[in-house]
Amino acid sequence: MSRTPAKAEHPASAKMEDGRSSRLEAPRGSAPDGLCPDADEATPTTATPAAMPASPGAPDSSAGAVSVGTFFERGRERLGLSLVAGDGGGLARVIEEPVLYRCGLALSGFYDFFASKRIQLIGRAEYAFLEARPEPQRIAALQRLFQATIPCVVFSSGLPTFAETARLADAQHVPVFQTAMPTIRFTTQATLLLEYLSAPRRKVHGTMLEVAGLGVLIEGPAGIGKSETALGLIKRGHALVADDLTEFRRDADGVLHGAAVAVTRHYMEIRGIGIIYIPALFGVGSVRGEKALDLVITLRPQTEGEHDLDRCGDHTRTRDILGVRVPQLVIPVAPGRDLVNIAETAAMEYKLKQSGRVAHRDLDEQIKRHHAGSGE
């Protein structure tokens, strides 16, 4: 659908151009810190899926916007950012579109479709343009930029700010940053950081591990044995990602990444023993910082939902997390069942299915050939 450009009398009233991908339109901020509800039922399906978004274009209620202060705090070392001008109150400003914008056209006076919701980047080209202007014109150009309700301005490539920058930034409470990074490298690194910070997030009750190379979430009611099962898997050489509470983020490709909450990372609670620190007991190779989610194993008491459990493996359930459908297995729990062995086997069987080998189909074909050969 075409849009007709219209002249804006003032930068603040100029039309905006939203060029973001639909998968990046759900940045972080309003994500509830509450837990994924137990009522989030698994959805049976007859297909064998890989994890994929249920509705990529749908808005995500678990996402919000990134503040300038968060961007600065997380990028201070990674991007070499330093705050050189602007009142400290401006750090509360929101980056509504988590991307960078080269503001050369705006500095030249063209504000049609000006992307005021993005971080404004001044590189060598923009700097050379401003430097070549007479001082009154340069001041006027910068003043229009700072009055356009922008989140912040970044000078890249170690370029010094102009003498009037601090006064204009303080007047409008717009933070101004400086980095020694070349413009191209800064653009790449800052884009990756903004994508990470703006990713939709949700915390889910469950223990996550890396089992046979797969990211596996073990969930179920309190006291059913999630942590004990995870401990047994760790002793068998698998690795812990998060115990009891896992935070998931969805990246731009619709992949879920799970990690522990920072304050409890690498710790586990085992009933009857208490708190244990996994790297101290099993070595640094027994933990992972983050892992993509491939499979959800839901533990249920055997008396619940027995009638709808799959006995052959020909039906596939999925668990919806942040709009992504993840394959799910429901395992009944009863005294004497070896959950460690079952969980490990479930992960290995899932890997086998992904390679195209499906046991129940092979057995079905074998039985048909047997009956055809015997004449029955």
Protein backbone atom coordinates (compact mmCIF):
# COMPACT_ATOMS: atom_id res chain seq x y z
CA MET A 1 0.00 0.00 0.00
CA SER A 2 1.56 3.30 -1.09
CA ARG A 3 1.86 6.27 1.18
CA THR A 4 1.85 9.88 0.01
CA PRO A 5 4.65 12.00 1.51
CA ALA A 6 3.54 15.16 3.27
CA LYS A 7 5.69 18.07 4.40
CA ALA A 8 6.04 18.41 8.15
CA GLU A 9 6.27 21.91 9.54
CA HIS A 10 8.14 20.68 12.61
CA PRO A 11 10.18 17.50 13.15
CA ALA A 12 8.02 16.49 16.10
CA SER A 13 4.93 16.37 13.87
CA ALA A 14 6.61 14.60 10.94
CA LYS A 15 5.25 11.32 9.65
CA MET A 16 7.12 8.22 10.74
CA GLU A 17 8.21 5.25 8.66
CA ASP A 18 8.04 1.94 10.45
CA GLY A 19 10.52 -0.33 8.74
CA ARG A 20 10.76 -3.04 11.38
CA SER A 21 10.22 -6.71 10.76
CA SER A 22 6.99 -8.05 12.24
CA ARG A 23 9.00 -10.47 14.39
CA LEU A 24 10.89 -7.59 15.96
CA GLU A 25 7.83 -5.52 16.69
CA ALA A 26 7.38 -7.03 20.13
CA PRO A 27 10.22 -5.55 22.19
CA ARG A 28 10.75 -6.03 25.90
CA GLY A 29 9.20 -3.96 28.66
CA SER A 30 5.64 -4.94 29.48
CA ALA A 31 6.50 -8.63 29.82
CA PRO A 32 4.81 -10.01 32.91
CA ASP A 33 7.24 -11.40 35.42
CA GLY A 34 4.51 -13.84 36.39
CA LEU A 35 4.73 -17.50 35.54
CA CYS A 36 3.40 -19.32 32.54
CA PRO A 37 -0.09 -20.43 33.67
CA ASP A 38 -0.79 -24.09 34.21
CA ALA A 39 -3.92 -23.63 32.14
CA ASP A 40 -1.71 -23.24 29.06
CA GLU A 41 -2.75 -26.61 27.69
CA ALA A 42 -0.79 -28.68 25.24
CA THR A 43 -2.31 -28.94 21.79
CA PRO A 44 -2.44 -32.38 20.15
CA THR A 45 -1.48 -32.47 16.48
CA THR A 46 -0.84 -35.21 13.95
CA ALA A 47 2.24 -33.60 12.41
CA THR A 48 5.79 -34.09 13.67
CA PRO A 49 6.86 -30.49 14.15
CA ALA A 50 10.05 -28.67 14.73
CA ALA A 51 9.63 -25.69 17.03
CA MET A 52 7.98 -22.97 14.98
CA PRO A 53 5.98 -19.80 15.61
CA ALA A 54 2.26 -20.34 15.90
CA SER A 55 1.46 -16.88 14.51
CA PRO A 56 4.57 -14.83 13.60
CA GLY A 57 2.64 -11.67 12.87
CA ALA A 58 0.56 -11.61 16.03
CA PRO A 59 1.40 -9.04 18.68
CA ASP A 60 2.99 -10.44 21.83
CA SER A 61 1.63 -9.17 25.13
CA SER A 62 4.82 -10.26 26.90
CA ALA A 63 6.94 -7.66 25.14
CA GLY A 64 7.52 -3.94 25.61
CA ALA A 65 10.18 -1.34 24.84
CA VAL A 66 13.84 -0.85 25.79
CA SER A 67 14.87 2.22 27.78
CA VAL A 68 17.91 4.29 26.86
CA GLY A 69 19.32 3.57 30.33
CA THR A 70 19.10 -0.20 29.76
CA PHE A 71 20.78 0.14 26.37
CA PHE A 72 23.57 2.22 27.92
CA GLU A 73 24.08 -0.10 30.90
CA ARG A 74 24.25 -3.25 28.75
CA GLY A 75 26.29 -1.58 26.00
CA ARG A 76 28.73 0.37 28.15
CA GLU A 77 31.47 -2.25 27.81
CA ARG A 78 30.30 -4.23 24.80
CA LEU A 79 29.87 -1.13 22.61
CA GLY A 80 32.36 1.15 24.39
CA LEU A 81 29.65 3.71 25.12
CA SER A 82 30.24 6.77 27.27
CA LEU A 83 27.68 9.40 28.24
CA VAL A 84 29.08 12.76 27.13
CA ALA A 85 26.05 15.05 27.24
CA GLY A 86 22.40 15.14 28.16
CA ASP A 87 20.62 15.25 31.49
CA GLY A 88 20.56 12.00 33.47
CA GLY A 89 16.76 12.04 33.40
CA GLY A 90 16.88 11.34 29.69
CA LEU A 91 18.04 7.78 30.36
CA ALA A 92 14.41 6.92 31.13
CA ARG A 93 13.45 7.65 27.52
CA VAL A 94 12.11 4.66 25.59
CA ILE A 95 13.57 3.29 22.35
CA GLU A 96 10.24 2.36 20.77
CA GLU A 97 11.87 1.03 17.59
CA PRO A 98 14.98 -0.93 18.63
CA VAL A 99 17.12 -0.14 15.59
CA LEU A 100 19.60 2.57 14.56
CA TYR A 101 18.93 5.43 12.14
CA ARG A 102 21.54 7.39 10.16
CA CYS A 103 20.12 10.89 10.52
CA GLY A 104 21.88 12.57 7.59
CA LEU A 105 18.64 13.46 5.76
CA ALA A 106 17.16 14.97 8.91
CA LEU A 107 20.26 17.09 9.49
CA SER A 108 19.91 18.42 5.96
CA GLY A 109 16.37 19.53 6.78
CA PHE A 110 14.34 16.67 5.25
CA TYR A 111 12.01 15.33 7.97
CA ASP A 112 9.42 13.49 5.87
CA PHE A 113 9.15 9.96 7.26
CA PHE A 114 11.75 10.77 9.91
CA ALA A 115 12.26 7.77 12.22
CA SER A 116 12.23 9.65 15.52
CA LYS A 117 11.59 6.52 17.60
CA ARG A 118 15.02 5.06 16.76
CA ILE A 119 18.54 5.72 18.05
CA GLN A 120 20.03 8.53 15.97
CA LEU A 121 23.53 7.70 14.73
CA ILE A 122 26.06 10.33 13.62
CA GLY A 123 28.95 8.75 11.74
CA ARG A 124 31.73 10.24 9.65
CA ALA A 125 29.43 11.26 6.77
CA GLU A 126 26.93 13.06 9.01
CA TYR A 127 29.74 14.62 11.02
CA ALA A 128 31.50 15.89 7.89
CA PHE A 129 28.23 17.44 6.69
CA LEU A 130 27.72 19.28 9.99
CA GLU A 131 31.35 20.34 10.18
CA ALA A 132 31.12 21.94 6.74
CA ARG A 133 28.07 24.03 7.67
CA PRO A 134 28.45 27.57 9.02
CA GLU A 135 28.01 27.60 12.80
CA PRO A 136 24.48 29.11 12.81
CA GLN A 137 23.26 26.48 10.30
CA ARG A 138 24.92 23.67 12.26
CA ILE A 139 23.32 24.81 15.49
CA ALA A 140 19.92 25.08 13.80
CA ALA A 141 20.25 21.57 12.32
CA LEU A 142 21.20 20.02 15.67
CA GLN A 143 18.46 21.94 17.46
CA ARG A 144 15.81 20.57 15.10
CA LEU A 145 17.16 17.06 15.66
CA PHE A 146 17.11 17.31 19.47
CA GLN A 147 13.60 18.79 19.43
CA ALA A 148 12.22 15.85 17.41
CA THR A 149 11.46 13.72 20.50
CA ILE A 150 14.27 11.26 19.80
CA PRO A 151 15.47 8.70 22.38
CA CYS A 152 19.20 9.48 22.15
CA VAL A 153 22.13 10.32 19.83
CA VAL A 154 25.35 8.37 19.32
CA PHE A 155 28.59 9.75 17.83
CA SER A 156 30.59 6.80 16.42
CA SER A 157 34.21 6.35 15.25
CA GLY A 158 35.52 8.36 18.22
CA LEU A 159 34.19 11.60 16.73
CA PRO A 160 34.11 14.50 19.22
CA THR A 161 30.81 16.22 19.91
CA PHE A 162 30.33 19.82 18.82
CA ALA A 163 30.58 22.59 21.40
CA GLU A 164 26.87 23.32 21.22
CA THR A 165 25.83 19.66 21.58
CA ALA A 166 25.89 19.60 25.40
CA ARG A 167 23.74 22.73 25.69
CA LEU A 168 21.14 21.47 23.21
CA ALA A 169 21.08 17.97 24.72
CA ASP A 170 20.64 19.28 28.28
CA ALA A 171 17.85 21.61 27.18
CA GLN A 172 15.85 18.74 25.66
CA HIS A 173 17.00 16.05 28.16
CA VAL A 174 18.34 13.89 25.31
CA PRO A 175 21.32 11.63 26.18
CA VAL A 176 24.31 11.85 23.85
CA PHE A 177 26.77 8.97 23.71
CA GLN A 178 30.17 8.51 22.14
CA THR A 179 31.95 5.35 21.03
CA ALA A 180 35.33 4.67 19.48
CA MET A 181 33.88 1.84 17.38
CA PRO A 182 33.81 2.35 13.60
CA THR A 183 30.30 3.10 12.39
CA ILE A 184 29.78 -0.19 10.54
CA ARG A 185 30.93 -2.33 13.46
CA PHE A 186 28.93 -0.30 15.96
CA THR A 187 25.79 -0.63 13.83
CA THR A 188 26.16 -4.41 13.72
CA GLN A 189 26.92 -4.86 17.42
CA ALA A 190 24.26 -2.39 18.58
CA THR A 191 21.62 -4.04 16.39
CA LEU A 192 22.41 -7.44 17.91
CA LEU A 193 22.22 -5.99 21.42
CA LEU A 194 18.91 -4.25 20.74
CA GLU A 195 17.48 -7.44 19.27
CA TYR A 196 18.49 -9.31 22.41
CA LEU A 197 17.09 -6.67 24.78
CA SER A 198 13.82 -6.29 22.87
CA ALA A 199 13.11 -10.01 22.53
CA PRO A 200 9.83 -11.15 24.13
CA ARG A 201 10.45 -12.98 27.42
CA ARG A 202 8.54 -15.23 29.79
CA LYS A 203 9.39 -17.15 32.94
CA VAL A 204 8.15 -20.73 33.15
CA HIS A 205 8.12 -23.07 36.15
CA GLY A 206 10.33 -25.96 35.13
CA THR A 207 13.88 -27.28 35.04
CA MET A 208 15.81 -27.04 31.78
CA LEU A 209 18.77 -29.15 30.72
CA GLU A 210 20.89 -30.00 27.73
CA VAL A 211 20.25 -33.70 27.12
CA ALA A 212 22.11 -35.39 24.25
CA GLY A 213 22.59 -31.97 22.67
CA LEU A 214 18.91 -31.04 22.91
CA GLY A 215 17.38 -28.30 25.03
CA VAL A 216 14.83 -30.09 27.23
CA LEU A 217 12.40 -28.46 29.67
CA ILE A 218 11.05 -30.72 32.43
CA GLU A 219 7.85 -29.34 33.94
CA GLY A 220 5.14 -30.59 36.26
CA PRO A 221 3.46 -29.99 39.62
CA ALA A 222 5.56 -29.09 42.66
CA GLY A 223 7.16 -32.10 44.34
CA ILE A 224 6.72 -34.46 41.40
CA GLY A 225 10.49 -34.92 40.95
CA LYS A 226 11.68 -32.39 38.36
CA SER A 227 14.91 -31.48 40.16
CA GLU A 228 15.64 -35.08 41.18
CA THR A 229 15.23 -36.20 37.56
CA ALA A 230 17.51 -33.36 36.43
CA LEU A 231 20.13 -34.34 39.03
CA GLY A 232 20.16 -37.90 37.73
CA LEU A 233 20.63 -36.64 34.16
CA ILE A 234 23.51 -34.41 35.25
CA LYS A 235 25.20 -37.42 36.87
CA ARG A 236 24.91 -39.20 33.52
CA GLY A 237 26.88 -36.43 31.80
CA HIS A 238 24.15 -34.04 30.70
CA ALA A 239 24.14 -30.35 31.66
CA LEU A 240 21.94 -28.06 33.74
CA VAL A 241 20.59 -24.84 32.24
CA ALA A 242 18.10 -23.72 34.91
CA ASP A 243 16.45 -25.29 37.95
CA ASP A 244 12.81 -24.73 38.92
CA LEU A 245 12.39 -21.41 37.07
CA THR A 246 13.48 -20.90 33.45
CA GLU A 247 13.37 -17.61 31.57
CA PHE A 248 12.70 -17.90 27.85
CA ARG A 249 13.27 -15.30 25.15
CA ARG A 250 12.12 -15.56 21.55
CA ASP A 251 14.58 -14.36 18.93
CA ALA A 252 13.82 -12.85 15.54
CA ASP A 253 13.75 -16.30 13.92
CA GLY A 254 11.10 -17.60 16.31
CA VAL A 255 13.55 -19.75 18.30
CA LEU A 256 13.13 -20.00 22.07
CA HIS A 257 16.26 -19.68 24.21
CA GLY A 258 16.13 -20.71 27.86
CA ALA A 259 18.38 -19.55 30.69
CA ALA A 260 18.39 -19.40 34.45
CA VAL A 261 17.42 -16.32 36.42
CA ALA A 262 20.75 -14.64 37.21
CA VAL A 263 20.49 -14.90 40.99
CA THR A 264 19.92 -18.69 40.97
CA ARG A 265 22.14 -19.65 38.03
CA HIS A 266 23.89 -23.05 38.47
CA TYR A 267 22.17 -23.72 41.83
CA MET A 268 19.67 -26.50 42.52
CA GLU A 269 17.35 -27.36 45.39
CA ILE A 270 17.04 -31.04 46.24
CA ARG A 271 14.43 -31.97 48.84
CA GLY A 272 16.11 -33.49 51.86
CA ILE A 273 19.55 -32.15 50.91
CA GLY A 274 18.95 -28.45 50.35
CA ILE A 275 20.80 -26.07 48.02
CA ILE A 276 23.69 -27.45 45.96
CA TYR A 277 26.07 -25.74 43.52
CA ILE A 278 26.34 -27.91 40.42
CA PRO A 279 29.76 -26.79 39.02
CA ALA A 280 31.41 -27.49 42.40
CA LEU A 281 30.02 -31.04 42.50
CA PHE A 282 30.16 -32.10 38.84
CA GLY A 283 32.56 -29.64 37.16
CA VAL A 284 32.11 -26.65 34.89
CA GLY A 285 31.07 -28.89 31.99
CA SER A 286 27.87 -29.79 33.85
CA VAL A 287 26.21 -26.40 33.29
CA ARG A 288 25.17 -24.26 30.33
CA GLY A 289 24.44 -20.53 30.26
CA GLU A 290 21.72 -20.65 27.60
CA LYS A 291 20.19 -23.28 25.35
CA ALA A 292 17.64 -23.34 22.54
CA LEU A 293 14.49 -25.23 23.52
CA ASP A 294 13.74 -28.37 21.48
CA LEU A 295 11.48 -30.51 23.66
CA VAL A 296 9.14 -30.18 26.66
CA ILE A 297 8.67 -33.16 29.00
CA THR A 298 5.63 -32.77 31.23
CA LEU A 299 5.46 -34.99 34.32
CA ARG A 300 1.99 -35.91 35.63
CA PRO A 301 0.83 -38.19 38.42
CA GLN A 302 -0.27 -41.47 36.82
CA THR A 303 -3.85 -41.06 38.05
CA GLU A 304 -4.30 -37.88 36.01
CA GLY A 305 -5.01 -37.89 32.30
CA GLU A 306 -4.15 -41.58 31.85
CA HIS A 307 -6.80 -42.01 29.15
CA ASP A 308 -5.30 -39.45 26.77
CA LEU A 309 -1.67 -40.57 26.96
CA ASP A 310 -0.05 -41.86 23.77
CA ARG A 311 0.93 -45.54 23.89
CA CYS A 312 2.40 -45.86 20.38
CA GLY A 313 4.02 -42.52 19.62
CA ASP A 314 1.82 -41.72 16.62
CA HIS A 315 0.39 -38.52 18.11
CA THR A 316 2.47 -35.43 18.79
CA ARG A 317 1.59 -32.81 21.37
CA THR A 318 2.92 -29.27 21.37
CA ARG A 319 3.38 -26.73 24.15
CA ASP A 320 2.84 -23.06 23.36
CA ILE A 321 5.45 -20.70 24.84
CA LEU A 322 5.58 -17.10 23.61
CA GLY A 323 3.66 -18.09 20.49
CA VAL A 324 6.11 -20.86 19.57
CA ARG A 325 4.88 -24.45 19.34
CA VAL A 326 7.38 -26.81 20.98
CA PRO A 327 7.08 -30.63 20.81
CA GLN A 328 5.85 -32.05 24.11
CA LEU A 329 5.84 -35.47 25.77
CA VAL A 330 3.58 -36.24 28.74
CA ILE A 331 5.13 -38.79 31.10
CA PRO A 332 3.00 -40.44 33.83
CA VAL A 333 4.76 -40.61 37.19
CA ALA A 334 4.26 -43.57 39.52
CA PRO A 335 6.33 -45.17 42.30
CA GLY A 336 9.15 -47.25 40.86
CA ARG A 337 9.35 -45.57 37.46
CA ASP A 338 12.89 -44.58 36.46
CA LEU A 339 12.26 -41.00 35.34
CA VAL A 340 15.93 -40.33 34.63
CA ASN A 341 16.10 -43.19 32.15
CA ILE A 342 12.74 -42.26 30.62
CA ALA A 343 13.68 -38.61 30.16
CA GLU A 344 17.04 -39.50 28.58
CA THR A 345 15.39 -42.02 26.26
CA ALA A 346 12.71 -39.49 25.31
CA ALA A 347 15.36 -37.00 24.21
CA MET A 348 17.27 -39.60 22.21
CA GLU A 349 14.05 -40.87 20.59
CA TYR A 350 13.15 -37.32 19.61
CA LYS A 351 16.56 -36.91 17.92
CA LEU A 352 15.99 -40.19 16.09
CA LYS A 353 12.59 -39.01 14.84
CA GLN A 354 14.15 -35.78 13.59
CA SER A 355 16.54 -37.87 11.50
CA GLY A 356 13.55 -39.62 9.87
CA ARG A 357 13.53 -42.86 11.83
CA VAL A 358 10.09 -43.35 13.48
CA ALA A 359 9.88 -46.56 15.51
CA HIS A 360 6.10 -47.10 15.49
CA ARG A 361 5.95 -46.69 11.70
CA ASP A 362 8.81 -49.14 11.21
CA LEU A 363 7.10 -51.66 13.51
CA ASP A 364 3.80 -51.22 11.67
CA GLU A 365 5.47 -51.93 8.33
CA GLN A 366 7.27 -54.93 9.81
CA ILE A 367 4.02 -56.39 11.13
CA LYS A 368 2.33 -55.88 7.76
CA ARG A 369 5.19 -57.65 5.96
CA HIS A 370 5.06 -60.49 8.48
CA HIS A 371 1.32 -61.04 7.97
CA ALA A 372 1.65 -60.72 4.20
CA GLY A 373 4.44 -63.32 4.15
CA SER A 374 2.56 -65.79 6.37
CA GLY A 375 -0.63 -65.45 4.37
CA GLU A 376 -2.70 -64.31 7.34
